[in-house]
């Protein structure tokens, strides 16, 4: 039986939107097995009373793809292709919005961005994330 492994490497990042508005994804490496569950952390600060948080996935040289959004007020949205295995709950007490990915696939290899916006962008396609990144890739020789 061959098991595929993933190496999770987080690039340290803290991007400032305004003086008090920012997101932070922790740095570090993590190894996961295909089929496992991983949680990608994201902490945020916002001076706004109503803010929006987003997760994006970027593979290769493609532009970031919207995964989900969560709002301080309201439910948010998850894109259909991610609904089955990707989830997130906004925790305004701890100011966190972790992204949980279940049943990891090799195709989950990508850079994952957490983003904060103080109002909902008028056009989702032109809203690029600011924040840290998590790189997920298959570790040789276990790739198929």
N, C-alpha and C. Protein backbone atom coordinates (compact mmCIF):
# COMPACT_ATOMS: atom_id res chain seq x y z
N UNK A 1 0.84 -1.18 0.00
CA UNK A 1 0.00 0.00 0.00
C UNK A 1 0.88 1.24 0.00
N UNK A 2 0.63 2.14 -0.94
CA UNK A 2 1.40 3.38 -1.04
C UNK A 2 0.57 4.51 -0.45
N UNK A 3 1.19 5.27 0.41
CA UNK A 3 0.53 6.42 1.02
C UNK A 3 1.17 7.69 0.51
N UNK A 4 0.38 8.63 0.08
CA UNK A 4 0.91 9.93 -0.35
C UNK A 4 0.99 10.84 0.86
N UNK A 5 2.06 11.60 0.95
CA UNK A 5 2.25 12.54 2.04
C UNK A 5 2.23 13.96 1.49
N UNK A 6 1.81 14.89 2.31
CA UNK A 6 1.82 16.30 1.94
C UNK A 6 2.76 17.02 2.88
N UNK A 7 3.52 17.95 2.35
CA UNK A 7 4.33 18.83 3.18
C UNK A 7 3.62 20.17 3.20
N UNK A 8 3.30 20.65 4.37
CA UNK A 8 2.61 21.93 4.50
C UNK A 8 3.61 22.95 5.00
N UNK A 9 3.89 23.95 4.21
CA UNK A 9 4.85 24.98 4.60
C UNK A 9 4.16 26.33 4.56
N UNK A 10 4.19 27.03 5.67
CA UNK A 10 3.51 28.32 5.75
C UNK A 10 4.52 29.44 5.63
N UNK A 11 4.24 30.35 4.74
CA UNK A 11 5.07 31.54 4.62
C UNK A 11 4.61 32.56 5.65
N UNK A 12 5.53 33.10 6.46
CA UNK A 12 5.11 34.08 7.45
C UNK A 12 4.60 35.34 6.77
N UNK A 13 3.52 35.87 7.29
CA UNK A 13 2.99 37.07 6.67
C UNK A 13 2.07 37.82 7.61
N UNK A 14 2.16 39.11 7.55
CA UNK A 14 1.19 39.98 8.20
C UNK A 14 1.06 41.20 7.32
N UNK A 15 -0.05 41.31 6.64
CA UNK A 15 -0.25 42.42 5.71
C UNK A 15 -1.22 43.41 6.33
N UNK A 16 -0.88 44.67 6.23
CA UNK A 16 -1.70 45.70 6.84
C UNK A 16 -2.64 46.32 5.82
N UNK A 17 -3.91 46.35 6.13
CA UNK A 17 -4.90 47.01 5.28
C UNK A 17 -5.06 48.46 5.72
N UNK A 18 -5.10 48.68 6.98
CA UNK A 18 -5.14 50.01 7.58
C UNK A 18 -4.32 49.87 8.85
N UNK A 19 -4.26 50.90 9.65
CA UNK A 19 -3.39 50.85 10.81
C UNK A 19 -3.72 49.67 11.73
N UNK A 20 -5.00 49.36 11.91
CA UNK A 20 -5.37 48.28 12.83
C UNK A 20 -5.96 47.06 12.11
N UNK A 21 -6.07 47.10 10.81
CA UNK A 21 -6.70 46.01 10.07
C UNK A 21 -5.63 45.13 9.43
N UNK A 22 -5.57 43.86 9.83
CA UNK A 22 -4.59 42.96 9.25
C UNK A 22 -4.97 41.51 9.48
N UNK A 23 -4.31 40.64 8.74
CA UNK A 23 -4.44 39.20 8.93
C UNK A 23 -3.06 38.62 9.14
N UNK A 24 -3.01 37.50 9.85
CA UNK A 24 -1.74 36.84 10.13
C UNK A 24 -1.94 35.33 10.01
N UNK A 25 -1.11 34.71 9.18
CA UNK A 25 -1.08 33.26 9.09
C UNK A 25 0.25 32.81 9.66
N UNK A 26 0.24 31.86 10.60
CA UNK A 26 1.48 31.45 11.26
C UNK A 26 2.43 30.75 10.31
N UNK A 27 3.74 30.85 10.63
CA UNK A 27 4.73 30.17 9.82
C UNK A 27 5.01 28.78 10.39
N UNK A 28 5.59 27.91 9.59
CA UNK A 28 5.94 26.57 10.05
C UNK A 28 5.63 25.53 9.01
N UNK A 29 6.15 24.32 9.24
CA UNK A 29 5.94 23.20 8.33
C UNK A 29 5.11 22.14 9.02
N UNK A 30 4.34 21.43 8.25
CA UNK A 30 3.49 20.36 8.77
C UNK A 30 3.38 19.29 7.69
N UNK A 31 3.40 18.03 8.08
CA UNK A 31 3.26 16.94 7.13
C UNK A 31 1.94 16.23 7.38
N UNK A 32 1.19 15.99 6.30
CA UNK A 32 -0.11 15.33 6.40
C UNK A 32 -0.17 14.18 5.42
N UNK A 33 -0.97 13.18 5.72
CA UNK A 33 -1.19 12.04 4.83
C UNK A 33 -2.45 12.26 4.02
N UNK A 34 -2.43 11.83 2.77
CA UNK A 34 -3.61 11.93 1.92
C UNK A 34 -4.78 11.28 2.64
N UNK A 35 -5.92 11.95 2.61
CA UNK A 35 -7.10 11.45 3.31
C UNK A 35 -7.29 12.05 4.68
N UNK A 36 -6.23 12.67 5.23
CA UNK A 36 -6.32 13.29 6.54
C UNK A 36 -7.04 14.63 6.47
N UNK A 37 -7.20 15.25 7.63
CA UNK A 37 -7.80 16.57 7.75
C UNK A 37 -6.74 17.55 8.23
N UNK A 38 -6.73 18.75 7.69
CA UNK A 38 -5.80 19.79 8.12
C UNK A 38 -6.59 21.06 8.40
N UNK A 39 -6.12 21.84 9.37
CA UNK A 39 -6.72 23.13 9.67
C UNK A 39 -5.66 24.20 9.48
N UNK A 40 -5.93 25.16 8.60
CA UNK A 40 -5.03 26.27 8.32
C UNK A 40 -5.50 27.46 9.14
N UNK A 41 -4.62 27.99 9.97
CA UNK A 41 -4.99 29.06 10.88
C UNK A 41 -4.86 30.43 10.24
N UNK A 42 -5.72 31.33 10.66
CA UNK A 42 -5.65 32.73 10.25
C UNK A 42 -6.22 33.57 11.38
N UNK A 43 -5.43 34.51 11.86
CA UNK A 43 -5.87 35.46 12.88
C UNK A 43 -6.05 36.82 12.21
N UNK A 44 -6.93 37.64 12.75
CA UNK A 44 -7.18 38.94 12.13
C UNK A 44 -7.44 40.00 13.19
N UNK A 45 -7.25 41.25 12.79
CA UNK A 45 -7.64 42.42 13.57
C UNK A 45 -8.41 43.33 12.65
N UNK A 46 -9.46 43.93 13.16
CA UNK A 46 -10.22 44.87 12.35
C UNK A 46 -10.78 45.97 13.24
N UNK A 47 -10.64 47.20 12.77
CA UNK A 47 -11.21 48.34 13.49
C UNK A 47 -12.66 48.58 13.07
N UNK A 48 -13.11 47.86 12.05
CA UNK A 48 -14.47 48.00 11.55
C UNK A 48 -15.45 47.20 12.42
N UNK A 49 -16.69 47.65 12.47
CA UNK A 49 -17.70 46.90 13.21
C UNK A 49 -18.33 45.81 12.35
N UNK A 50 -18.20 45.93 11.05
CA UNK A 50 -18.75 44.93 10.13
C UNK A 50 -17.68 44.62 9.09
N UNK A 51 -17.09 43.45 9.17
CA UNK A 51 -15.99 43.11 8.28
C UNK A 51 -16.23 41.76 7.64
N UNK A 52 -15.45 41.49 6.60
CA UNK A 52 -15.59 40.29 5.78
C UNK A 52 -14.26 39.58 5.72
N UNK A 53 -14.27 38.26 5.90
CA UNK A 53 -13.06 37.46 5.79
C UNK A 53 -13.23 36.43 4.69
N UNK A 54 -12.13 36.16 3.99
CA UNK A 54 -12.16 35.30 2.82
C UNK A 54 -11.02 34.30 2.86
N UNK A 55 -11.20 33.16 2.22
CA UNK A 55 -10.13 32.22 1.93
C UNK A 55 -10.08 32.02 0.42
N UNK A 56 -8.86 31.98 -0.11
CA UNK A 56 -8.62 31.76 -1.54
C UNK A 56 -7.61 30.64 -1.71
N UNK A 57 -7.67 29.99 -2.85
CA UNK A 57 -6.72 28.94 -3.22
C UNK A 57 -6.07 29.34 -4.54
N UNK A 58 -4.74 29.27 -4.59
CA UNK A 58 -4.02 29.58 -5.82
C UNK A 58 -3.12 28.42 -6.20
N UNK A 59 -3.39 27.80 -7.36
CA UNK A 59 -2.51 26.74 -7.84
C UNK A 59 -1.63 27.28 -8.95
N UNK A 60 -0.35 26.96 -8.86
CA UNK A 60 0.59 27.36 -9.91
C UNK A 60 0.55 28.84 -10.19
N UNK A 61 0.49 29.18 -11.48
CA UNK A 61 0.47 30.58 -11.90
C UNK A 61 -0.94 31.12 -12.11
N UNK A 62 -1.93 30.35 -11.74
CA UNK A 62 -3.32 30.79 -11.90
C UNK A 62 -3.67 31.86 -10.88
N UNK A 63 -4.69 32.64 -11.18
CA UNK A 63 -5.12 33.66 -10.22
C UNK A 63 -5.81 32.98 -9.05
N UNK A 64 -5.82 33.62 -7.89
CA UNK A 64 -6.47 33.02 -6.72
C UNK A 64 -7.95 32.75 -6.98
N UNK A 65 -8.41 31.59 -6.50
CA UNK A 65 -9.83 31.22 -6.63
C UNK A 65 -10.50 31.35 -5.27
N UNK A 66 -11.67 31.94 -5.28
CA UNK A 66 -12.45 32.13 -4.07
C UNK A 66 -12.91 30.77 -3.53
N UNK A 67 -12.65 30.51 -2.24
CA UNK A 67 -13.13 29.30 -1.58
C UNK A 67 -14.39 29.63 -0.79
N UNK A 68 -14.25 30.59 0.15
CA UNK A 68 -15.38 30.93 1.00
C UNK A 68 -15.22 32.30 1.61
N UNK A 69 -16.32 32.82 2.12
CA UNK A 69 -16.33 34.09 2.85
C UNK A 69 -17.13 33.90 4.13
N UNK A 70 -16.74 34.66 5.13
CA UNK A 70 -17.48 34.68 6.39
C UNK A 70 -17.57 36.13 6.83
N UNK A 71 -18.71 36.49 7.39
CA UNK A 71 -18.96 37.87 7.79
C UNK A 71 -19.18 37.93 9.29
N UNK A 72 -18.84 39.07 9.88
CA UNK A 72 -19.14 39.25 11.30
C UNK A 72 -20.66 39.23 11.49
N UNK A 73 -21.37 39.84 10.54
CA UNK A 73 -22.83 39.84 10.58
C UNK A 73 -23.31 39.06 9.36
N UNK A 74 -23.92 37.92 9.56
CA UNK A 74 -24.40 37.12 8.44
C UNK A 74 -23.62 35.83 8.27
N UNK A 75 -24.04 35.03 7.31
CA UNK A 75 -23.52 33.68 7.14
C UNK A 75 -22.26 33.57 6.30
N UNK A 76 -22.21 34.26 5.17
CA UNK A 76 -21.12 34.07 4.24
C UNK A 76 -21.49 33.05 3.18
N UNK A 77 -20.51 32.68 2.37
CA UNK A 77 -20.76 31.80 1.23
C UNK A 77 -19.57 30.87 1.03
N UNK A 78 -19.85 29.65 0.55
CA UNK A 78 -18.81 28.71 0.15
C UNK A 78 -19.09 28.31 -1.30
N UNK A 79 -18.06 28.40 -2.16
CA UNK A 79 -18.22 28.00 -3.55
C UNK A 79 -18.58 26.52 -3.63
N UNK A 80 -19.42 26.16 -4.58
CA UNK A 80 -19.92 24.79 -4.72
C UNK A 80 -18.82 23.74 -4.76
N UNK A 81 -17.74 23.99 -5.51
CA UNK A 81 -16.70 22.98 -5.65
C UNK A 81 -15.96 22.69 -4.35
N UNK A 82 -16.09 23.56 -3.34
CA UNK A 82 -15.39 23.39 -2.07
C UNK A 82 -16.32 22.98 -0.93
N UNK A 83 -17.61 22.98 -1.14
CA UNK A 83 -18.58 22.76 -0.06
C UNK A 83 -18.41 21.42 0.66
N UNK A 84 -18.03 20.39 -0.05
CA UNK A 84 -17.98 19.06 0.55
C UNK A 84 -16.84 18.88 1.55
N UNK A 85 -15.66 19.48 1.28
CA UNK A 85 -14.49 19.19 2.11
C UNK A 85 -13.88 20.41 2.81
N UNK A 86 -14.27 21.62 2.43
CA UNK A 86 -13.69 22.84 2.99
C UNK A 86 -14.72 23.54 3.87
N UNK A 87 -14.30 23.97 5.06
CA UNK A 87 -15.23 24.67 5.94
C UNK A 87 -14.47 25.66 6.82
N UNK A 88 -15.21 26.62 7.35
CA UNK A 88 -14.60 27.62 8.23
C UNK A 88 -15.68 28.26 9.08
N UNK A 89 -15.31 28.59 10.29
CA UNK A 89 -16.21 29.29 11.20
C UNK A 89 -15.49 30.51 11.74
N UNK A 90 -16.11 31.66 11.58
CA UNK A 90 -15.54 32.91 12.08
C UNK A 90 -15.72 32.96 13.59
N UNK A 91 -14.62 33.15 14.30
CA UNK A 91 -14.66 33.27 15.75
C UNK A 91 -14.24 34.69 16.11
N UNK A 92 -15.22 35.57 16.33
CA UNK A 92 -14.90 36.97 16.59
C UNK A 92 -14.31 37.18 17.99
N UNK A 93 -14.54 36.26 18.91
CA UNK A 93 -13.94 36.36 20.24
C UNK A 93 -12.43 36.18 20.17
N UNK A 94 -11.98 35.15 19.47
CA UNK A 94 -10.55 34.87 19.33
C UNK A 94 -9.96 35.49 18.07
N UNK A 95 -10.81 36.18 17.30
CA UNK A 95 -10.39 36.83 16.06
C UNK A 95 -9.64 35.86 15.15
N UNK A 96 -10.30 34.76 14.88
CA UNK A 96 -9.71 33.74 14.02
C UNK A 96 -10.73 33.23 13.01
N UNK A 97 -10.21 32.74 11.89
CA UNK A 97 -11.05 32.14 10.85
C UNK A 97 -10.27 30.98 10.24
N UNK A 98 -10.16 29.88 10.98
CA UNK A 98 -9.41 28.73 10.47
C UNK A 98 -10.12 28.07 9.29
N UNK A 99 -9.33 27.59 8.34
CA UNK A 99 -9.87 26.85 7.20
C UNK A 99 -9.59 25.37 7.42
N UNK A 100 -10.66 24.58 7.44
CA UNK A 100 -10.54 23.14 7.65
C UNK A 100 -10.73 22.44 6.31
N UNK A 101 -9.74 21.59 5.93
CA UNK A 101 -9.83 20.82 4.69
C UNK A 101 -9.84 19.35 5.09
N UNK A 102 -10.90 18.64 4.73
CA UNK A 102 -11.03 17.23 5.08
C UNK A 102 -10.67 16.35 3.89
N UNK A 103 -10.29 15.12 4.18
CA UNK A 103 -9.99 14.12 3.15
C UNK A 103 -9.03 14.69 2.10
N UNK A 104 -7.84 15.10 2.56
CA UNK A 104 -6.86 15.74 1.68
C UNK A 104 -6.59 14.96 0.41
N UNK A 105 -6.52 15.69 -0.71
CA UNK A 105 -6.17 15.14 -2.01
C UNK A 105 -4.86 15.78 -2.45
N UNK A 106 -4.13 15.10 -3.33
CA UNK A 106 -2.93 15.70 -3.90
C UNK A 106 -3.31 16.99 -4.63
N UNK A 107 -4.49 17.04 -5.20
CA UNK A 107 -4.95 18.23 -5.92
C UNK A 107 -5.19 19.43 -5.00
N UNK A 108 -5.13 19.22 -3.69
CA UNK A 108 -5.23 20.33 -2.75
C UNK A 108 -3.93 21.12 -2.67
N UNK A 109 -2.90 20.64 -3.36
CA UNK A 109 -1.62 21.35 -3.38
C UNK A 109 -1.82 22.74 -3.95
N UNK A 110 -1.50 23.75 -3.16
CA UNK A 110 -1.74 25.13 -3.58
C UNK A 110 -1.23 26.07 -2.51
N UNK A 111 -1.33 27.35 -2.81
CA UNK A 111 -1.10 28.39 -1.82
C UNK A 111 -2.48 28.85 -1.37
N UNK A 112 -2.69 28.89 -0.06
CA UNK A 112 -3.98 29.29 0.51
C UNK A 112 -3.83 30.64 1.18
N UNK A 113 -4.69 31.57 0.79
CA UNK A 113 -4.64 32.93 1.32
C UNK A 113 -5.86 33.23 2.18
N UNK A 114 -5.59 33.86 3.29
CA UNK A 114 -6.64 34.41 4.15
C UNK A 114 -6.68 35.91 3.87
N UNK A 115 -7.88 36.49 3.78
CA UNK A 115 -7.99 37.91 3.45
C UNK A 115 -9.06 38.58 4.30
N UNK A 116 -8.85 39.85 4.57
CA UNK A 116 -9.77 40.67 5.36
C UNK A 116 -10.17 41.88 4.53
N UNK A 117 -11.44 42.21 4.56
CA UNK A 117 -11.92 43.41 3.87
C UNK A 117 -12.94 44.06 4.78
N UNK A 118 -12.89 45.38 4.90
CA UNK A 118 -13.83 46.05 5.81
C UNK A 118 -15.21 46.23 5.22
N UNK A 119 -15.35 45.97 3.92
CA UNK A 119 -16.68 45.94 3.30
C UNK A 119 -16.61 44.93 2.17
N UNK A 120 -17.76 44.43 1.75
CA UNK A 120 -17.77 43.41 0.70
C UNK A 120 -17.32 44.03 -0.62
N UNK A 121 -16.34 43.41 -1.29
CA UNK A 121 -15.86 43.96 -2.56
C UNK A 121 -16.99 43.98 -3.59
N UNK A 122 -16.98 45.00 -4.44
CA UNK A 122 -18.05 45.13 -5.43
C UNK A 122 -17.97 44.04 -6.49
N UNK A 123 -16.76 43.58 -6.83
CA UNK A 123 -16.59 42.52 -7.81
C UNK A 123 -15.64 41.49 -7.23
N UNK A 124 -16.16 40.30 -6.93
CA UNK A 124 -15.33 39.28 -6.31
C UNK A 124 -14.11 38.95 -7.14
N UNK A 125 -14.24 38.90 -8.47
CA UNK A 125 -13.14 38.51 -9.33
C UNK A 125 -11.96 39.45 -9.30
N UNK A 126 -12.15 40.70 -8.88
CA UNK A 126 -11.04 41.63 -8.84
C UNK A 126 -10.51 41.84 -7.43
N UNK A 127 -11.06 41.15 -6.47
CA UNK A 127 -10.61 41.29 -5.08
C UNK A 127 -9.49 40.29 -4.82
N UNK A 128 -8.27 40.76 -4.76
CA UNK A 128 -7.15 39.87 -4.50
C UNK A 128 -6.83 39.86 -3.02
N UNK A 129 -6.45 38.71 -2.51
CA UNK A 129 -6.23 38.58 -1.08
C UNK A 129 -4.95 39.25 -0.62
N UNK A 130 -4.96 39.64 0.63
CA UNK A 130 -3.74 40.05 1.30
C UNK A 130 -3.62 39.16 2.51
N UNK A 131 -2.44 38.80 2.86
CA UNK A 131 -2.26 37.92 4.01
C UNK A 131 -1.20 36.89 3.74
N UNK A 132 -1.18 35.87 4.55
CA UNK A 132 -0.17 34.83 4.46
C UNK A 132 -0.58 33.74 3.51
N UNK A 133 0.30 32.76 3.39
CA UNK A 133 0.04 31.67 2.45
C UNK A 133 0.44 30.34 3.07
N UNK A 134 -0.25 29.31 2.66
CA UNK A 134 0.10 27.95 3.05
C UNK A 134 0.32 27.17 1.78
N UNK A 135 1.50 26.57 1.64
CA UNK A 135 1.81 25.79 0.46
C UNK A 135 1.64 24.32 0.79
N UNK A 136 0.85 23.62 0.02
CA UNK A 136 0.61 22.20 0.21
C UNK A 136 1.13 21.48 -1.02
N UNK A 137 2.08 20.57 -0.85
CA UNK A 137 2.53 19.80 -2.00
C UNK A 137 2.89 18.40 -1.58
N UNK A 138 2.92 17.52 -2.56
CA UNK A 138 3.20 16.11 -2.32
C UNK A 138 4.70 15.91 -2.15
N UNK A 139 5.11 15.12 -1.17
CA UNK A 139 6.52 14.84 -0.92
C UNK A 139 6.93 13.58 -1.66
N UNK A 140 8.00 13.66 -2.46
CA UNK A 140 8.52 12.49 -3.19
C UNK A 140 9.11 11.49 -2.19
N UNK A 141 9.12 10.21 -2.40
CA UNK A 141 8.70 9.50 -3.61
C UNK A 141 7.28 8.96 -3.51
N UNK A 142 6.46 9.55 -2.65
CA UNK A 142 5.13 9.00 -2.40
C UNK A 142 4.06 9.54 -3.33
N UNK A 143 4.42 10.43 -4.24
CA UNK A 143 3.44 10.99 -5.17
C UNK A 143 3.04 9.95 -6.20
N UNK A 144 1.81 10.05 -6.63
CA UNK A 144 1.33 9.13 -7.66
C UNK A 144 1.22 9.85 -8.99
